[in-house]
ModelCIF file with pLDDT and N, C-alpha, C, O atoms, coordinates in Angstrom:
data_MODEL
#
_entry.id   MODEL 
#
_entity.id                         1 
_entity.type                       polymer 
_entity.pdbx_number_of_molecules   1 
#
_entity_poly.entity_id                      1 
_entity_poly.type                           'polypeptide(L)' 
_entity_poly.nstd_linkage                   no 
_entity_poly.nstd_monomer                   no 
_entity_poly.pdbx_seq_one_letter_code       ARAEGGELHNIAALTGGMVAQEMIKIITKQYIPIDNTCIFDGIASRS 
_entity_poly.pdbx_seq_one_letter_code_can   ARAEGGELHNIAALTGGMVAQEMIKIITKQYIPIDNTCIFDGIASRS 
_entity_poly.pdbx_strand_id                 A 
#
loop_
_entity_poly_seq.entity_id 
_entity_poly_seq.num 
_entity_poly_seq.mon_id 
_entity_poly_seq.hetero 
1 1  ALA n 
1 2  ARG n 
1 3  ALA n 
1 4  GLU n 
1 5  GLY n 
1 6  GLY n 
1 7  GLU n 
1 8  LEU n 
1 9  HIS n 
1 10 ASN n 
1 11 ILE n 
1 12 ALA n 
1 13 ALA n 
1 14 LEU n 
1 15 THR n 
1 16 GLY n 
1 17 GLY n 
1 18 MET n 
1 19 VAL n 
1 20 ALA n 
1 21 GLN n 
1 22 GLU n 
1 23 MET n 
1 24 ILE n 
1 25 LYS n 
1 26 ILE n 
1 27 ILE n 
1 28 THR n 
1 29 LYS n 
1 30 GLN n 
1 31 TYR n 
1 32 ILE n 
1 33 PRO n 
1 34 ILE n 
1 35 ASP n 
1 36 ASN n 
1 37 THR n 
1 38 CYS n 
1 39 ILE n 
1 40 PHE n 
1 41 ASP n 
1 42 GLY n 
1 43 ILE n 
1 44 ALA n 
1 45 SER n 
1 46 ARG n 
1 47 SER n 
#
_struct_asym.id          A 
_struct_asym.entity_id   1 
#
loop_
_ma_qa_metric.id 
_ma_qa_metric.mode 
_ma_qa_metric.name 
_ma_qa_metric.software_group_id 
_ma_qa_metric.type 
1 global pLDDT . pLDDT 
2 local  pLDDT . pLDDT 
#
_ma_qa_metric_global.metric_id      1 
_ma_qa_metric_global.metric_value   95.26 
_ma_qa_metric_global.model_id       1 
_ma_qa_metric_global.ordinal_id     1 
#
loop_
_ma_qa_metric_local.label_asym_id 
_ma_qa_metric_local.label_comp_id 
_ma_qa_metric_local.label_seq_id 
_ma_qa_metric_local.metric_id 
_ma_qa_metric_local.metric_value 
_ma_qa_metric_local.model_id 
_ma_qa_metric_local.ordinal_id 
A ALA 1  2 95.00 1 1  
A ARG 2  2 95.00 1 2  
A ALA 3  2 93.00 1 3  
A GLU 4  2 92.00 1 4  
A GLY 5  2 90.00 1 5  
A GLY 6  2 92.00 1 6  
A GLU 7  2 93.00 1 7  
A LEU 8  2 94.00 1 8  
A HIS 9  2 92.00 1 9  
A ASN 10 2 94.00 1 10 
A ILE 11 2 96.00 1 11 
A ALA 12 2 95.00 1 12 
A ALA 13 2 96.00 1 13 
A LEU 14 2 97.00 1 14 
A THR 15 2 97.00 1 15 
A GLY 16 2 97.00 1 16 
A GLY 17 2 97.00 1 17 
A MET 18 2 98.00 1 18 
A VAL 19 2 98.00 1 19 
A ALA 20 2 97.00 1 20 
A GLN 21 2 97.00 1 21 
A GLU 22 2 97.00 1 22 
A MET 23 2 97.00 1 23 
A ILE 24 2 97.00 1 24 
A LYS 25 2 97.00 1 25 
A ILE 26 2 96.00 1 26 
A ILE 27 2 97.00 1 27 
A THR 28 2 96.00 1 28 
A LYS 29 2 95.00 1 29 
A GLN 30 2 95.00 1 30 
A TYR 31 2 95.00 1 31 
A ILE 32 2 94.00 1 32 
A PRO 33 2 95.00 1 33 
A ILE 34 2 93.00 1 34 
A ASP 35 2 90.00 1 35 
A ASN 36 2 90.00 1 36 
A THR 37 2 95.00 1 37 
A CYS 38 2 97.00 1 38 
A ILE 39 2 98.00 1 39 
A PHE 40 2 98.00 1 40 
A ASP 41 2 97.00 1 41 
A GLY 42 2 96.00 1 42 
A ILE 43 2 95.00 1 43 
A ALA 44 2 94.00 1 44 
A SER 45 2 95.00 1 45 
A ARG 46 2 96.00 1 46 
A SER 47 2 97.00 1 47 
#
loop_
_atom_site.group_PDB 
_atom_site.id 
_atom_site.type_symbol 
_atom_site.label_atom_id 
_atom_site.label_alt_id 
_atom_site.label_comp_id 
_atom_site.label_asym_id 
_atom_site.label_entity_id 
_atom_site.label_seq_id 
_atom_site.pdbx_PDB_ins_code 
_atom_site.Cartn_x 
_atom_site.Cartn_y 
_atom_site.Cartn_z 
_atom_site.occupancy 
_atom_site.B_iso_or_equiv 
_atom_site.pdbx_formal_charge 
_atom_site.auth_seq_id 
_atom_site.auth_comp_id 
_atom_site.auth_asym_id 
_atom_site.auth_atom_id 
_atom_site.pdbx_PDB_model_num 
ATOM 1   N N  . ALA A 1 1  ? 2.229   9.649   11.697  1.00 95.00 ? 1  ALA A N  1 
ATOM 2   C CA . ALA A 1 1  ? 3.554   10.381  11.355  1.00 95.00 ? 1  ALA A CA 1 
ATOM 3   C C  . ALA A 1 1  ? 4.782   9.841   11.402  1.00 95.00 ? 1  ALA A C  1 
ATOM 4   O O  . ALA A 1 1  ? 5.738   10.213  10.722  1.00 95.00 ? 1  ALA A O  1 
ATOM 5   N N  . ARG A 1 2  ? 4.776   8.858   12.290  1.00 95.00 ? 2  ARG A N  1 
ATOM 6   C CA . ARG A 1 2  ? 6.226   7.840   12.511  1.00 95.00 ? 2  ARG A CA 1 
ATOM 7   C C  . ARG A 1 2  ? 6.220   7.232   11.299  1.00 95.00 ? 2  ARG A C  1 
ATOM 8   O O  . ARG A 1 2  ? 7.328   7.250   10.762  1.00 95.00 ? 2  ARG A O  1 
ATOM 9   N N  . ALA A 1 3  ? 5.291   6.655   10.629  1.00 93.00 ? 3  ALA A N  1 
ATOM 10  C CA . ALA A 1 3  ? 5.267   5.805   9.320   1.00 93.00 ? 3  ALA A CA 1 
ATOM 11  C C  . ALA A 1 3  ? 5.671   6.788   8.101   1.00 93.00 ? 3  ALA A C  1 
ATOM 12  O O  . ALA A 1 3  ? 6.289   6.291   7.159   1.00 93.00 ? 3  ALA A O  1 
ATOM 13  N N  . GLU A 1 4  ? 5.426   7.820   8.086   1.00 92.00 ? 4  GLU A N  1 
ATOM 14  C CA . GLU A 1 4  ? 6.168   8.807   7.017   1.00 92.00 ? 4  GLU A CA 1 
ATOM 15  C C  . GLU A 1 4  ? 5.512   8.308   5.511   1.00 92.00 ? 4  GLU A C  1 
ATOM 16  O O  . GLU A 1 4  ? 6.080   8.690   4.488   1.00 92.00 ? 4  GLU A O  1 
ATOM 17  N N  . GLY A 1 5  ? 4.527   7.606   5.436   1.00 90.00 ? 5  GLY A N  1 
ATOM 18  C CA . GLY A 1 5  ? 3.654   7.263   4.353   1.00 90.00 ? 5  GLY A CA 1 
ATOM 19  C C  . GLY A 1 5  ? 4.359   5.921   3.958   1.00 90.00 ? 5  GLY A C  1 
ATOM 20  O O  . GLY A 1 5  ? 4.155   5.490   2.823   1.00 90.00 ? 5  GLY A O  1 
ATOM 21  N N  . GLY A 1 6  ? 5.130   5.268   4.767   1.00 92.00 ? 6  GLY A N  1 
ATOM 22  C CA . GLY A 1 6  ? 5.649   4.056   4.199   1.00 92.00 ? 6  GLY A CA 1 
ATOM 23  C C  . GLY A 1 6  ? 4.661   2.955   4.533   1.00 92.00 ? 6  GLY A C  1 
ATOM 24  O O  . GLY A 1 6  ? 3.720   3.128   5.308   1.00 92.00 ? 6  GLY A O  1 
ATOM 25  N N  . GLU A 1 7  ? 4.934   1.762   3.882   1.00 93.00 ? 7  GLU A N  1 
ATOM 26  C CA . GLU A 1 7  ? 3.825   0.616   3.806   1.00 93.00 ? 7  GLU A CA 1 
ATOM 27  C C  . GLU A 1 7  ? 4.527   -0.477  4.604   1.00 93.00 ? 7  GLU A C  1 
ATOM 28  O O  . GLU A 1 7  ? 5.734   -0.435  4.365   1.00 93.00 ? 7  GLU A O  1 
ATOM 29  N N  . LEU A 1 8  ? 4.263   -1.265  5.308   1.00 94.00 ? 8  LEU A N  1 
ATOM 30  C CA . LEU A 1 8  ? 4.651   -2.559  5.626   1.00 94.00 ? 8  LEU A CA 1 
ATOM 31  C C  . LEU A 1 8  ? 4.191   -3.630  4.735   1.00 94.00 ? 8  LEU A C  1 
ATOM 32  O O  . LEU A 1 8  ? 3.023   -3.444  4.393   1.00 94.00 ? 8  LEU A O  1 
ATOM 33  N N  . HIS A 1 9  ? 4.784   -4.809  4.191   1.00 92.00 ? 9  HIS A N  1 
ATOM 34  C CA . HIS A 1 9  ? 4.337   -5.473  3.193   1.00 92.00 ? 9  HIS A CA 1 
ATOM 35  C C  . HIS A 1 9  ? 3.281   -6.286  4.001   1.00 92.00 ? 9  HIS A C  1 
ATOM 36  O O  . HIS A 1 9  ? 2.233   -6.583  3.428   1.00 92.00 ? 9  HIS A O  1 
ATOM 37  N N  . ASN A 1 10 ? 3.467   -6.631  5.173   1.00 94.00 ? 10 ASN A N  1 
ATOM 38  C CA . ASN A 1 10 ? 2.432   -7.975  5.750   1.00 94.00 ? 10 ASN A CA 1 
ATOM 39  C C  . ASN A 1 10 ? 1.313   -7.253  6.072   1.00 94.00 ? 10 ASN A C  1 
ATOM 40  O O  . ASN A 1 10 ? 0.353   -8.014  6.188   1.00 94.00 ? 10 ASN A O  1 
ATOM 41  N N  . ILE A 1 11 ? 0.980   -5.899  6.299   1.00 96.00 ? 11 ILE A N  1 
ATOM 42  C CA . ILE A 1 11 ? -0.048  -5.052  6.474   1.00 96.00 ? 11 ILE A CA 1 
ATOM 43  C C  . ILE A 1 11 ? -0.842  -4.893  5.063   1.00 96.00 ? 11 ILE A C  1 
ATOM 44  O O  . ILE A 1 11 ? -2.018  -5.183  4.844   1.00 96.00 ? 11 ILE A O  1 
ATOM 45  N N  . ALA A 1 12 ? 0.100   -4.365  4.187   1.00 95.00 ? 12 ALA A N  1 
ATOM 46  C CA . ALA A 1 12 ? -0.527  -4.311  2.781   1.00 95.00 ? 12 ALA A CA 1 
ATOM 47  C C  . ALA A 1 12 ? -0.932  -5.634  2.052   1.00 95.00 ? 12 ALA A C  1 
ATOM 48  O O  . ALA A 1 12 ? -1.822  -5.639  1.202   1.00 95.00 ? 12 ALA A O  1 
ATOM 49  N N  . ALA A 1 13 ? -0.335  -6.605  2.370   1.00 96.00 ? 13 ALA A N  1 
ATOM 50  C CA . ALA A 1 13 ? -0.750  -7.765  1.960   1.00 96.00 ? 13 ALA A CA 1 
ATOM 51  C C  . ALA A 1 13 ? -2.150  -8.439  2.454   1.00 96.00 ? 13 ALA A C  1 
ATOM 52  O O  . ALA A 1 13 ? -2.935  -9.050  1.730   1.00 96.00 ? 13 ALA A O  1 
ATOM 53  N N  . LEU A 1 14 ? -2.284  -8.192  3.838   1.00 97.00 ? 14 LEU A N  1 
ATOM 54  C CA . LEU A 1 14 ? -3.327  -8.426  4.501   1.00 97.00 ? 14 LEU A CA 1 
ATOM 55  C C  . LEU A 1 14 ? -4.721  -7.602  4.067   1.00 97.00 ? 14 LEU A C  1 
ATOM 56  O O  . LEU A 1 14 ? -5.838  -8.101  3.925   1.00 97.00 ? 14 LEU A O  1 
ATOM 57  N N  . THR A 1 15 ? -4.321  -6.133  3.889   1.00 97.00 ? 15 THR A N  1 
ATOM 58  C CA . THR A 1 15 ? -5.512  -5.473  3.310   1.00 97.00 ? 15 THR A CA 1 
ATOM 59  C C  . THR A 1 15 ? -5.691  -5.517  2.027   1.00 97.00 ? 15 THR A C  1 
ATOM 60  O O  . THR A 1 15 ? -6.788  -5.147  1.606   1.00 97.00 ? 15 THR A O  1 
ATOM 61  N N  . GLY A 1 16 ? -4.796  -5.920  1.193   1.00 97.00 ? 16 GLY A N  1 
ATOM 62  C CA . GLY A 1 16 ? -5.091  -6.233  -0.374  1.00 97.00 ? 16 GLY A CA 1 
ATOM 63  C C  . GLY A 1 16 ? -6.038  -7.417  -0.379  1.00 97.00 ? 16 GLY A C  1 
ATOM 64  O O  . GLY A 1 16 ? -6.959  -7.391  -1.195  1.00 97.00 ? 16 GLY A O  1 
ATOM 65  N N  . GLY A 1 17 ? -5.899  -8.600  0.557   1.00 97.00 ? 17 GLY A N  1 
ATOM 66  C CA . GLY A 1 17 ? -6.798  -9.542  0.255   1.00 97.00 ? 17 GLY A CA 1 
ATOM 67  C C  . GLY A 1 17 ? -8.387  -9.172  0.900   1.00 97.00 ? 17 GLY A C  1 
ATOM 68  O O  . GLY A 1 17 ? -9.393  -9.723  0.453   1.00 97.00 ? 17 GLY A O  1 
ATOM 69  N N  . MET A 1 18 ? -8.422  -8.303  1.853   1.00 98.00 ? 18 MET A N  1 
ATOM 70  C CA . MET A 1 18 ? -9.712  -8.007  2.326   1.00 98.00 ? 18 MET A CA 1 
ATOM 71  C C  . MET A 1 18 ? -10.176 -7.157  0.965   1.00 98.00 ? 18 MET A C  1 
ATOM 72  O O  . MET A 1 18 ? -11.233 -7.529  0.456   1.00 98.00 ? 18 MET A O  1 
ATOM 73  N N  . VAL A 1 19 ? -9.592  -6.237  0.445   1.00 98.00 ? 19 VAL A N  1 
ATOM 74  C CA . VAL A 1 19 ? -10.004 -5.483  -0.726  1.00 98.00 ? 19 VAL A CA 1 
ATOM 75  C C  . VAL A 1 19 ? -10.358 -6.427  -1.687  1.00 98.00 ? 19 VAL A C  1 
ATOM 76  O O  . VAL A 1 19 ? -11.564 -6.505  -1.921  1.00 98.00 ? 19 VAL A O  1 
ATOM 77  N N  . ALA A 1 20 ? -9.704  -7.071  -2.224  1.00 97.00 ? 20 ALA A N  1 
ATOM 78  C CA . ALA A 1 20 ? -10.002 -8.100  -3.335  1.00 97.00 ? 20 ALA A CA 1 
ATOM 79  C C  . ALA A 1 20 ? -11.316 -8.998  -3.108  1.00 97.00 ? 20 ALA A C  1 
ATOM 80  O O  . ALA A 1 20 ? -12.195 -9.229  -3.939  1.00 97.00 ? 20 ALA A O  1 
ATOM 81  N N  . GLN A 1 21 ? -11.246 -9.386  -1.961  1.00 97.00 ? 21 GLN A N  1 
ATOM 82  C CA . GLN A 1 21 ? -12.606 -10.337 -1.461  1.00 97.00 ? 21 GLN A CA 1 
ATOM 83  C C  . GLN A 1 21 ? -13.724 -9.261  -1.550  1.00 97.00 ? 21 GLN A C  1 
ATOM 84  O O  . GLN A 1 21 ? -14.776 -9.638  -2.064  1.00 97.00 ? 21 GLN A O  1 
ATOM 85  N N  . GLU A 1 22 ? -13.656 -8.150  -1.180  1.00 97.00 ? 22 GLU A N  1 
ATOM 86  C CA . GLU A 1 22 ? -14.977 -7.271  -1.220  1.00 97.00 ? 22 GLU A CA 1 
ATOM 87  C C  . GLU A 1 22 ? -15.363 -6.820  -2.772  1.00 97.00 ? 22 GLU A C  1 
ATOM 88  O O  . GLU A 1 22 ? -16.488 -6.536  -3.184  1.00 97.00 ? 22 GLU A O  1 
ATOM 89  N N  . MET A 1 23 ? -14.200 -6.832  -3.467  1.00 97.00 ? 23 MET A N  1 
ATOM 90  C CA . MET A 1 23 ? -14.319 -6.784  -4.837  1.00 97.00 ? 23 MET A CA 1 
ATOM 91  C C  . MET A 1 23 ? -14.972 -7.785  -5.682  1.00 97.00 ? 23 MET A C  1 
ATOM 92  O O  . MET A 1 23 ? -15.692 -7.499  -6.639  1.00 97.00 ? 23 MET A O  1 
ATOM 93  N N  . ILE A 1 24 ? -14.704 -8.923  -5.305  1.00 97.00 ? 24 ILE A N  1 
ATOM 94  C CA . ILE A 1 24 ? -15.182 -10.055 -6.008  1.00 97.00 ? 24 ILE A CA 1 
ATOM 95  C C  . ILE A 1 24 ? -16.821 -9.960  -5.693  1.00 97.00 ? 24 ILE A C  1 
ATOM 96  O O  . ILE A 1 24 ? -17.652 -9.947  -6.601  1.00 97.00 ? 24 ILE A O  1 
ATOM 97  N N  . LYS A 1 25 ? -17.160 -9.896  -4.293  1.00 97.00 ? 25 LYS A N  1 
ATOM 98  C CA . LYS A 1 25 ? -18.419 -9.771  -4.143  1.00 97.00 ? 25 LYS A CA 1 
ATOM 99  C C  . LYS A 1 25 ? -19.280 -8.670  -4.819  1.00 97.00 ? 25 LYS A C  1 
ATOM 100 O O  . LYS A 1 25 ? -20.484 -8.909  -4.905  1.00 97.00 ? 25 LYS A O  1 
ATOM 101 N N  . ILE A 1 26 ? -18.777 -7.397  -5.349  1.00 96.00 ? 26 ILE A N  1 
ATOM 102 C CA . ILE A 1 26 ? -19.567 -6.664  -6.028  1.00 96.00 ? 26 ILE A CA 1 
ATOM 103 C C  . ILE A 1 26 ? -19.401 -7.008  -7.490  1.00 96.00 ? 26 ILE A C  1 
ATOM 104 O O  . ILE A 1 26 ? -20.400 -6.821  -8.185  1.00 96.00 ? 26 ILE A O  1 
ATOM 105 N N  . ILE A 1 27 ? -18.357 -7.459  -8.059  1.00 97.00 ? 27 ILE A N  1 
ATOM 106 C CA . ILE A 1 27 ? -18.074 -7.927  -9.364  1.00 97.00 ? 27 ILE A CA 1 
ATOM 107 C C  . ILE A 1 27 ? -19.211 -9.070  -9.715  1.00 97.00 ? 27 ILE A C  1 
ATOM 108 O O  . ILE A 1 27 ? -19.803 -9.142  -10.792 1.00 97.00 ? 27 ILE A O  1 
ATOM 109 N N  . THR A 1 28 ? -19.369 -9.830  -8.741  1.00 96.00 ? 28 THR A N  1 
ATOM 110 C CA . THR A 1 28 ? -20.127 -11.198 -9.123  1.00 96.00 ? 28 THR A CA 1 
ATOM 111 C C  . THR A 1 28 ? -21.568 -11.113 -8.673  1.00 96.00 ? 28 THR A C  1 
ATOM 112 O O  . THR A 1 28 ? -22.449 -11.896 -9.029  1.00 96.00 ? 28 THR A O  1 
ATOM 113 N N  . LYS A 1 29 ? -21.741 -9.959  -7.756  1.00 95.00 ? 29 LYS A N  1 
ATOM 114 C CA . LYS A 1 29 ? -22.869 -9.738  -7.145  1.00 95.00 ? 29 LYS A CA 1 
ATOM 115 C C  . LYS A 1 29 ? -23.407 -10.758 -6.233  1.00 95.00 ? 29 LYS A C  1 
ATOM 116 O O  . LYS A 1 29 ? -24.600 -11.050 -6.142  1.00 95.00 ? 29 LYS A O  1 
ATOM 117 N N  . GLN A 1 30 ? -22.422 -11.290 -5.550  1.00 95.00 ? 30 GLN A N  1 
ATOM 118 C CA . GLN A 1 30 ? -22.774 -12.324 -4.749  1.00 95.00 ? 30 GLN A CA 1 
ATOM 119 C C  . GLN A 1 30 ? -22.331 -12.009 -3.251  1.00 95.00 ? 30 GLN A C  1 
ATOM 120 O O  . GLN A 1 30 ? -21.416 -11.208 -3.060  1.00 95.00 ? 30 GLN A O  1 
ATOM 121 N N  . TYR A 1 31 ? -22.997 -12.656 -2.153  1.00 95.00 ? 31 TYR A N  1 
ATOM 122 C CA . TYR A 1 31 ? -22.383 -12.485 -0.834  1.00 95.00 ? 31 TYR A CA 1 
ATOM 123 C C  . TYR A 1 31 ? -22.626 -10.709 -0.477  1.00 95.00 ? 31 TYR A C  1 
ATOM 124 O O  . TYR A 1 31 ? -23.041 -9.936  -1.341  1.00 95.00 ? 31 TYR A O  1 
ATOM 125 N N  . ILE A 1 32 ? -22.386 -10.407 0.516   1.00 94.00 ? 32 ILE A N  1 
ATOM 126 C CA . ILE A 1 32 ? -22.854 -9.161  1.042   1.00 94.00 ? 32 ILE A CA 1 
ATOM 127 C C  . ILE A 1 32 ? -21.420 -8.326  1.217   1.00 94.00 ? 32 ILE A C  1 
ATOM 128 O O  . ILE A 1 32 ? -20.540 -8.676  2.003   1.00 94.00 ? 32 ILE A O  1 
ATOM 129 N N  . PRO A 1 33 ? -21.360 -7.431  0.547   1.00 95.00 ? 33 PRO A N  1 
ATOM 130 C CA . PRO A 1 33 ? -20.043 -6.607  0.706   1.00 95.00 ? 33 PRO A CA 1 
ATOM 131 C C  . PRO A 1 33 ? -20.174 -5.603  1.986   1.00 95.00 ? 33 PRO A C  1 
ATOM 132 O O  . PRO A 1 33 ? -21.278 -5.516  2.524   1.00 95.00 ? 33 PRO A O  1 
ATOM 133 N N  . ILE A 1 34 ? -19.137 -4.886  2.459   1.00 93.00 ? 34 ILE A N  1 
ATOM 134 C CA . ILE A 1 34 ? -19.164 -4.239  3.512   1.00 93.00 ? 34 ILE A CA 1 
ATOM 135 C C  . ILE A 1 34 ? -19.735 -2.631  3.261   1.00 93.00 ? 34 ILE A C  1 
ATOM 136 O O  . ILE A 1 34 ? -19.493 -2.106  2.175   1.00 93.00 ? 34 ILE A O  1 
ATOM 137 N N  . ASP A 1 35 ? -20.390 -1.985  4.157   1.00 90.00 ? 35 ASP A N  1 
ATOM 138 C CA . ASP A 1 35 ? -20.885 -0.714  3.961   1.00 90.00 ? 35 ASP A CA 1 
ATOM 139 C C  . ASP A 1 35 ? -20.351 0.283   5.038   1.00 90.00 ? 35 ASP A C  1 
ATOM 140 O O  . ASP A 1 35 ? -20.799 0.255   6.184   1.00 90.00 ? 35 ASP A O  1 
ATOM 141 N N  . ASN A 1 36 ? -19.551 1.014   4.714   1.00 90.00 ? 36 ASN A N  1 
ATOM 142 C CA . ASN A 1 36 ? -18.934 1.418   3.175   1.00 90.00 ? 36 ASN A CA 1 
ATOM 143 C C  . ASN A 1 36 ? -17.170 1.291   3.563   1.00 90.00 ? 36 ASN A C  1 
ATOM 144 O O  . ASN A 1 36 ? -16.400 1.094   2.623   1.00 90.00 ? 36 ASN A O  1 
ATOM 145 N N  . THR A 1 37 ? -16.632 1.417   4.955   1.00 95.00 ? 37 THR A N  1 
ATOM 146 C CA . THR A 1 37 ? -15.395 1.876   5.092   1.00 95.00 ? 37 THR A CA 1 
ATOM 147 C C  . THR A 1 37 ? -14.993 0.446   6.194   1.00 95.00 ? 37 THR A C  1 
ATOM 148 O O  . THR A 1 37 ? -15.780 -0.014  7.022   1.00 95.00 ? 37 THR A O  1 
ATOM 149 N N  . CYS A 1 38 ? -13.725 -0.016  5.963   1.00 97.00 ? 38 CYS A N  1 
ATOM 150 C CA . CYS A 1 38 ? -13.272 -0.954  6.894   1.00 97.00 ? 38 CYS A CA 1 
ATOM 151 C C  . CYS A 1 38 ? -11.877 -0.549  7.236   1.00 97.00 ? 38 CYS A C  1 
ATOM 152 O O  . CYS A 1 38 ? -11.017 -0.321  6.385   1.00 97.00 ? 38 CYS A O  1 
ATOM 153 N N  . ILE A 1 39 ? -11.683 -0.465  8.615   1.00 98.00 ? 39 ILE A N  1 
ATOM 154 C CA . ILE A 1 39 ? -10.324 0.152   9.242   1.00 98.00 ? 39 ILE A CA 1 
ATOM 155 C C  . ILE A 1 39 ? -9.687  -1.159  9.778   1.00 98.00 ? 39 ILE A C  1 
ATOM 156 O O  . ILE A 1 39 ? -10.338 -2.097  10.239  1.00 98.00 ? 39 ILE A O  1 
ATOM 157 N N  . PHE A 1 40 ? -8.153  -1.104  9.646   1.00 98.00 ? 40 PHE A N  1 
ATOM 158 C CA . PHE A 1 40 ? -7.798  -2.224  10.268  1.00 98.00 ? 40 PHE A CA 1 
ATOM 159 C C  . PHE A 1 40 ? -6.109  -1.745  10.867  1.00 98.00 ? 40 PHE A C  1 
ATOM 160 O O  . PHE A 1 40 ? -5.120  -1.225  10.350  1.00 98.00 ? 40 PHE A O  1 
ATOM 161 N N  . ASP A 1 41 ? -6.470  -2.254  12.213  1.00 97.00 ? 41 ASP A N  1 
ATOM 162 C CA . ASP A 1 41 ? -5.165  -1.937  13.330  1.00 97.00 ? 41 ASP A CA 1 
ATOM 163 C C  . ASP A 1 41 ? -4.259  -3.172  13.183  1.00 97.00 ? 41 ASP A C  1 
ATOM 164 O O  . ASP A 1 41 ? -4.640  -4.270  13.590  1.00 97.00 ? 41 ASP A O  1 
ATOM 165 N N  . GLY A 1 42 ? -2.990  -2.983  12.569  1.00 96.00 ? 42 GLY A N  1 
ATOM 166 C CA . GLY A 1 42 ? -2.010  -4.152  12.735  1.00 96.00 ? 42 GLY A CA 1 
ATOM 167 C C  . GLY A 1 42 ? -1.279  -4.166  13.968  1.00 96.00 ? 42 GLY A C  1 
ATOM 168 O O  . GLY A 1 42 ? -0.445  -5.050  14.164  1.00 96.00 ? 42 GLY A O  1 
ATOM 169 N N  . ILE A 1 43 ? -1.502  -3.295  14.801  1.00 95.00 ? 43 ILE A N  1 
ATOM 170 C CA . ILE A 1 43 ? -0.936  -3.519  16.160  1.00 95.00 ? 43 ILE A CA 1 
ATOM 171 C C  . ILE A 1 43 ? -1.870  -4.270  17.192  1.00 95.00 ? 43 ILE A C  1 
ATOM 172 O O  . ILE A 1 43 ? -1.431  -4.985  18.093  1.00 95.00 ? 43 ILE A O  1 
ATOM 173 N N  . ALA A 1 44 ? -2.994  -4.063  16.992  1.00 94.00 ? 44 ALA A N  1 
ATOM 174 C CA . ALA A 1 44 ? -4.182  -4.995  17.815  1.00 94.00 ? 44 ALA A CA 1 
ATOM 175 C C  . ALA A 1 44 ? -4.736  -6.043  16.997  1.00 94.00 ? 44 ALA A C  1 
ATOM 176 O O  . ALA A 1 44 ? -5.690  -6.734  17.355  1.00 94.00 ? 44 ALA A O  1 
ATOM 177 N N  . SER A 1 45 ? -4.166  -6.152  15.952  1.00 95.00 ? 45 SER A N  1 
ATOM 178 C CA . SER A 1 45 ? -4.821  -7.299  14.867  1.00 95.00 ? 45 SER A CA 1 
ATOM 179 C C  . SER A 1 45 ? -6.260  -7.478  14.868  1.00 95.00 ? 45 SER A C  1 
ATOM 180 O O  . SER A 1 45 ? -6.839  -8.557  14.995  1.00 95.00 ? 45 SER A O  1 
ATOM 181 N N  . ARG A 1 46 ? -6.850  -6.216  14.699  1.00 96.00 ? 46 ARG A N  1 
ATOM 182 C CA . ARG A 1 46 ? -8.412  -6.370  14.477  1.00 96.00 ? 46 ARG A CA 1 
ATOM 183 C C  . ARG A 1 46 ? -8.650  -5.092  13.719  1.00 96.00 ? 46 ARG A C  1 
ATOM 184 O O  . ARG A 1 46 ? -7.947  -4.089  13.593  1.00 96.00 ? 46 ARG A O  1 
ATOM 185 N N  . SER A 1 47 ? -10.220 -5.510  13.098  1.00 97.00 ? 47 SER A N  1 
ATOM 186 C CA . SER A 1 47 ? -10.656 -4.650  12.022  1.00 97.00 ? 47 SER A CA 1 
ATOM 187 C C  . SER A 1 47 ? -12.299 -4.169  12.751  1.00 97.00 ? 47 SER A C  1 
ATOM 188 O O  . SER A 1 47 ? -13.047 -3.406  12.140  1.00 97.00 ? 47 SER A O  1 
#
């Protein structure tokens, strides 16, 4: 609620990198993609 829908660029950049990595796995059908939801906590810096 405090964020009011706003995005922080560093969190967006890190999340975008993770999404792109999983997309490449699925497009190339190589490596093992996640199944099926990845949650990231930028405060504790873990997923």
